[in-house]
């Protein structure tokens, strides 16, 4: 079975990544940070839209009940 790397193994992996990507690593991390921030902002927008749709649905349900009742 293959298991998750332990403490020393993560250090070795980190050193190898640092050697391979060296100069590109800061730009890569900056890009990754921006991507995560954009994703979170997008998710927040989706949550707000869902909330708005639920409010509109509740308003429609209320108006429909008033006309019928």
N, C-alpha and C. Protein backbone atom coordinates (compact mmCIF):
# COMPACT_ATOMS: atom_id res chain seq x y z
N UNK A 1 0.83 -1.19 0.00
CA UNK A 1 0.00 0.00 0.00
C UNK A 1 0.87 1.25 0.00
N UNK A 2 0.37 2.27 -0.65
CA UNK A 2 1.06 3.55 -0.66
C UNK A 2 0.37 4.45 0.35
N UNK A 3 1.17 5.07 1.22
CA UNK A 3 0.59 5.95 2.23
C UNK A 3 1.04 7.39 1.99
N UNK A 4 0.46 8.32 2.74
CA UNK A 4 0.83 9.73 2.65
C UNK A 4 2.26 9.91 3.16
N UNK A 5 2.99 10.85 2.54
CA UNK A 5 4.36 11.10 3.01
C UNK A 5 4.38 11.62 4.45
N UNK A 6 5.42 11.27 5.17
CA UNK A 6 5.59 11.73 6.54
C UNK A 6 6.35 13.05 6.58
N UNK A 7 6.79 13.46 7.76
CA UNK A 7 7.45 14.74 7.95
C UNK A 7 8.70 14.93 7.13
N UNK A 8 9.66 13.98 7.24
CA UNK A 8 10.92 14.10 6.50
C UNK A 8 10.68 14.01 5.00
N UNK A 9 9.75 13.20 4.61
CA UNK A 9 9.46 13.04 3.19
C UNK A 9 8.94 14.34 2.59
N UNK A 10 8.10 15.07 3.35
CA UNK A 10 7.60 16.37 2.88
C UNK A 10 8.75 17.38 2.74
N UNK A 11 9.71 17.31 3.66
CA UNK A 11 10.86 18.21 3.58
C UNK A 11 11.67 17.91 2.32
N UNK A 12 11.90 16.64 2.03
CA UNK A 12 12.64 16.26 0.83
C UNK A 12 11.88 16.69 -0.42
N UNK A 13 10.58 16.48 -0.45
CA UNK A 13 9.76 16.91 -1.58
C UNK A 13 9.85 18.42 -1.75
N UNK A 14 9.78 19.16 -0.65
CA UNK A 14 9.89 20.62 -0.71
C UNK A 14 11.22 21.08 -1.27
N UNK A 15 12.30 20.43 -0.86
CA UNK A 15 13.63 20.78 -1.37
C UNK A 15 13.73 20.51 -2.87
N UNK A 16 13.19 19.37 -3.28
CA UNK A 16 13.21 19.03 -4.72
C UNK A 16 12.41 20.06 -5.52
N UNK A 17 11.23 20.42 -5.02
CA UNK A 17 10.41 21.42 -5.71
C UNK A 17 11.15 22.75 -5.78
N UNK A 18 11.80 23.13 -4.68
CA UNK A 18 12.55 24.39 -4.66
C UNK A 18 13.70 24.37 -5.67
N UNK A 19 14.38 23.24 -5.78
CA UNK A 19 15.49 23.13 -6.73
C UNK A 19 14.97 23.19 -8.17
N UNK A 20 13.87 22.49 -8.43
CA UNK A 20 13.34 22.43 -9.80
C UNK A 20 12.76 23.77 -10.23
N UNK A 21 11.96 24.40 -9.35
CA UNK A 21 11.25 25.62 -9.74
C UNK A 21 11.99 26.89 -9.33
N UNK A 22 12.89 26.81 -8.37
CA UNK A 22 13.74 27.90 -7.91
C UNK A 22 13.23 29.30 -8.15
N UNK A 23 13.60 29.90 -9.28
CA UNK A 23 13.27 31.28 -9.58
C UNK A 23 11.78 31.48 -9.88
N UNK A 24 11.11 30.45 -10.36
CA UNK A 24 9.71 30.57 -10.73
C UNK A 24 8.77 30.42 -9.54
N UNK A 25 9.28 29.91 -8.43
CA UNK A 25 8.44 29.60 -7.28
C UNK A 25 7.68 30.82 -6.72
N UNK A 26 8.31 31.98 -6.52
CA UNK A 26 7.56 33.14 -6.01
C UNK A 26 6.41 33.55 -6.93
N UNK A 27 6.67 33.57 -8.23
CA UNK A 27 5.61 33.94 -9.17
C UNK A 27 4.50 32.89 -9.20
N UNK A 28 4.88 31.64 -9.07
CA UNK A 28 3.89 30.57 -9.04
C UNK A 28 3.01 30.67 -7.81
N UNK A 29 3.61 30.95 -6.67
CA UNK A 29 2.84 31.09 -5.43
C UNK A 29 1.92 32.32 -5.49
N UNK A 30 2.41 33.41 -6.07
CA UNK A 30 1.59 34.61 -6.22
C UNK A 30 0.38 34.31 -7.10
N UNK A 31 0.63 33.61 -8.18
CA UNK A 31 -0.45 33.25 -9.10
C UNK A 31 -1.46 32.32 -8.41
N UNK A 32 -0.96 31.38 -7.64
CA UNK A 32 -1.83 30.47 -6.90
C UNK A 32 -2.68 31.23 -5.89
N UNK A 33 -2.08 32.19 -5.20
CA UNK A 33 -2.82 33.00 -4.23
C UNK A 33 -3.92 33.80 -4.89
N UNK A 34 -3.63 34.39 -6.04
CA UNK A 34 -4.64 35.15 -6.77
C UNK A 34 -5.78 34.25 -7.23
N UNK A 35 -5.42 33.05 -7.68
CA UNK A 35 -6.43 32.11 -8.14
C UNK A 35 -7.37 31.72 -7.01
N UNK A 36 -6.82 31.44 -5.84
CA UNK A 36 -7.64 31.07 -4.69
C UNK A 36 -8.53 32.24 -4.28
N UNK A 37 -7.98 33.47 -4.28
CA UNK A 37 -8.77 34.65 -3.93
C UNK A 37 -9.91 34.86 -4.91
N UNK A 38 -9.64 34.70 -6.20
CA UNK A 38 -10.69 34.84 -7.21
C UNK A 38 -11.76 33.77 -7.06
N UNK A 39 -11.34 32.56 -6.74
CA UNK A 39 -12.30 31.47 -6.55
C UNK A 39 -13.22 31.77 -5.37
N UNK A 40 -12.64 32.22 -4.25
CA UNK A 40 -13.46 32.55 -3.08
C UNK A 40 -14.42 33.69 -3.38
N UNK A 41 -13.94 34.70 -4.12
CA UNK A 41 -14.80 35.83 -4.47
C UNK A 41 -15.95 35.35 -5.36
N UNK A 42 -15.66 34.46 -6.29
CA UNK A 42 -16.69 33.90 -7.15
C UNK A 42 -17.71 33.11 -6.37
N UNK A 43 -17.25 32.33 -5.41
CA UNK A 43 -18.17 31.55 -4.58
C UNK A 43 -19.07 32.47 -3.76
N UNK A 44 -18.52 33.57 -3.26
CA UNK A 44 -19.31 34.52 -2.50
C UNK A 44 -20.40 35.12 -3.38
N UNK A 45 -20.06 35.42 -4.63
CA UNK A 45 -21.04 35.95 -5.57
C UNK A 45 -22.16 34.96 -5.83
N UNK A 46 -21.81 33.69 -5.95
CA UNK A 46 -22.82 32.65 -6.19
C UNK A 46 -23.74 32.53 -4.98
N UNK A 47 -23.17 32.58 -3.77
CA UNK A 47 -23.99 32.49 -2.56
C UNK A 47 -24.96 33.66 -2.48
N UNK A 48 -24.52 34.87 -2.86
CA UNK A 48 -25.40 36.04 -2.84
C UNK A 48 -26.53 35.90 -3.86
N UNK A 49 -26.21 35.35 -5.04
CA UNK A 49 -27.24 35.14 -6.06
C UNK A 49 -28.27 34.12 -5.59
N UNK A 50 -27.83 33.06 -4.95
CA UNK A 50 -28.76 32.05 -4.42
C UNK A 50 -29.67 32.68 -3.38
N UNK A 51 -29.12 33.52 -2.52
CA UNK A 51 -29.91 34.20 -1.51
C UNK A 51 -30.95 35.10 -2.16
N UNK A 52 -30.56 35.84 -3.21
CA UNK A 52 -31.48 36.72 -3.91
C UNK A 52 -32.62 35.93 -4.56
N UNK A 53 -32.28 34.80 -5.16
CA UNK A 53 -33.29 33.96 -5.82
C UNK A 53 -34.27 33.42 -4.78
N UNK A 54 -33.78 33.02 -3.62
CA UNK A 54 -34.67 32.52 -2.57
C UNK A 54 -35.62 33.62 -2.09
N UNK A 55 -35.12 34.85 -1.96
CA UNK A 55 -35.97 35.96 -1.55
C UNK A 55 -37.05 36.24 -2.58
N UNK A 56 -36.67 36.20 -3.86
CA UNK A 56 -37.65 36.42 -4.93
C UNK A 56 -38.70 35.32 -4.93
N UNK A 57 -38.27 34.08 -4.73
CA UNK A 57 -39.21 32.96 -4.68
C UNK A 57 -40.18 33.13 -3.52
N UNK A 58 -39.66 33.53 -2.36
CA UNK A 58 -40.54 33.75 -1.21
C UNK A 58 -41.54 34.87 -1.49
N UNK A 59 -41.09 35.93 -2.16
CA UNK A 59 -42.00 37.02 -2.52
C UNK A 59 -43.09 36.54 -3.47
N UNK A 60 -42.71 35.73 -4.46
CA UNK A 60 -43.69 35.20 -5.41
C UNK A 60 -44.68 34.29 -4.69
N UNK A 61 -44.20 33.44 -3.79
CA UNK A 61 -45.09 32.57 -3.03
C UNK A 61 -46.07 33.39 -2.19
N UNK A 62 -45.59 34.46 -1.57
CA UNK A 62 -46.45 35.32 -0.75
C UNK A 62 -47.52 35.98 -1.61
N UNK A 63 -47.14 36.51 -2.76
CA UNK A 63 -48.09 37.18 -3.65
C UNK A 63 -49.12 36.18 -4.16
N UNK A 64 -48.69 34.99 -4.52
CA UNK A 64 -49.61 33.96 -5.03
C UNK A 64 -50.61 33.57 -3.95
N UNK A 65 -50.17 33.42 -2.73
CA UNK A 65 -51.08 33.05 -1.64
C UNK A 65 -52.09 34.16 -1.38
N UNK A 66 -51.68 35.40 -1.48
CA UNK A 66 -52.60 36.52 -1.25
C UNK A 66 -53.68 36.57 -2.32
N UNK A 67 -53.34 36.31 -3.57
CA UNK A 67 -54.32 36.35 -4.66
C UNK A 67 -55.31 35.19 -4.58
N UNK A 68 -54.81 34.03 -4.19
CA UNK A 68 -55.67 32.84 -4.11
C UNK A 68 -56.55 32.90 -2.87
N UNK A 69 -55.96 33.28 -1.75
CA UNK A 69 -56.66 33.25 -0.46
C UNK A 69 -57.54 34.38 -0.31
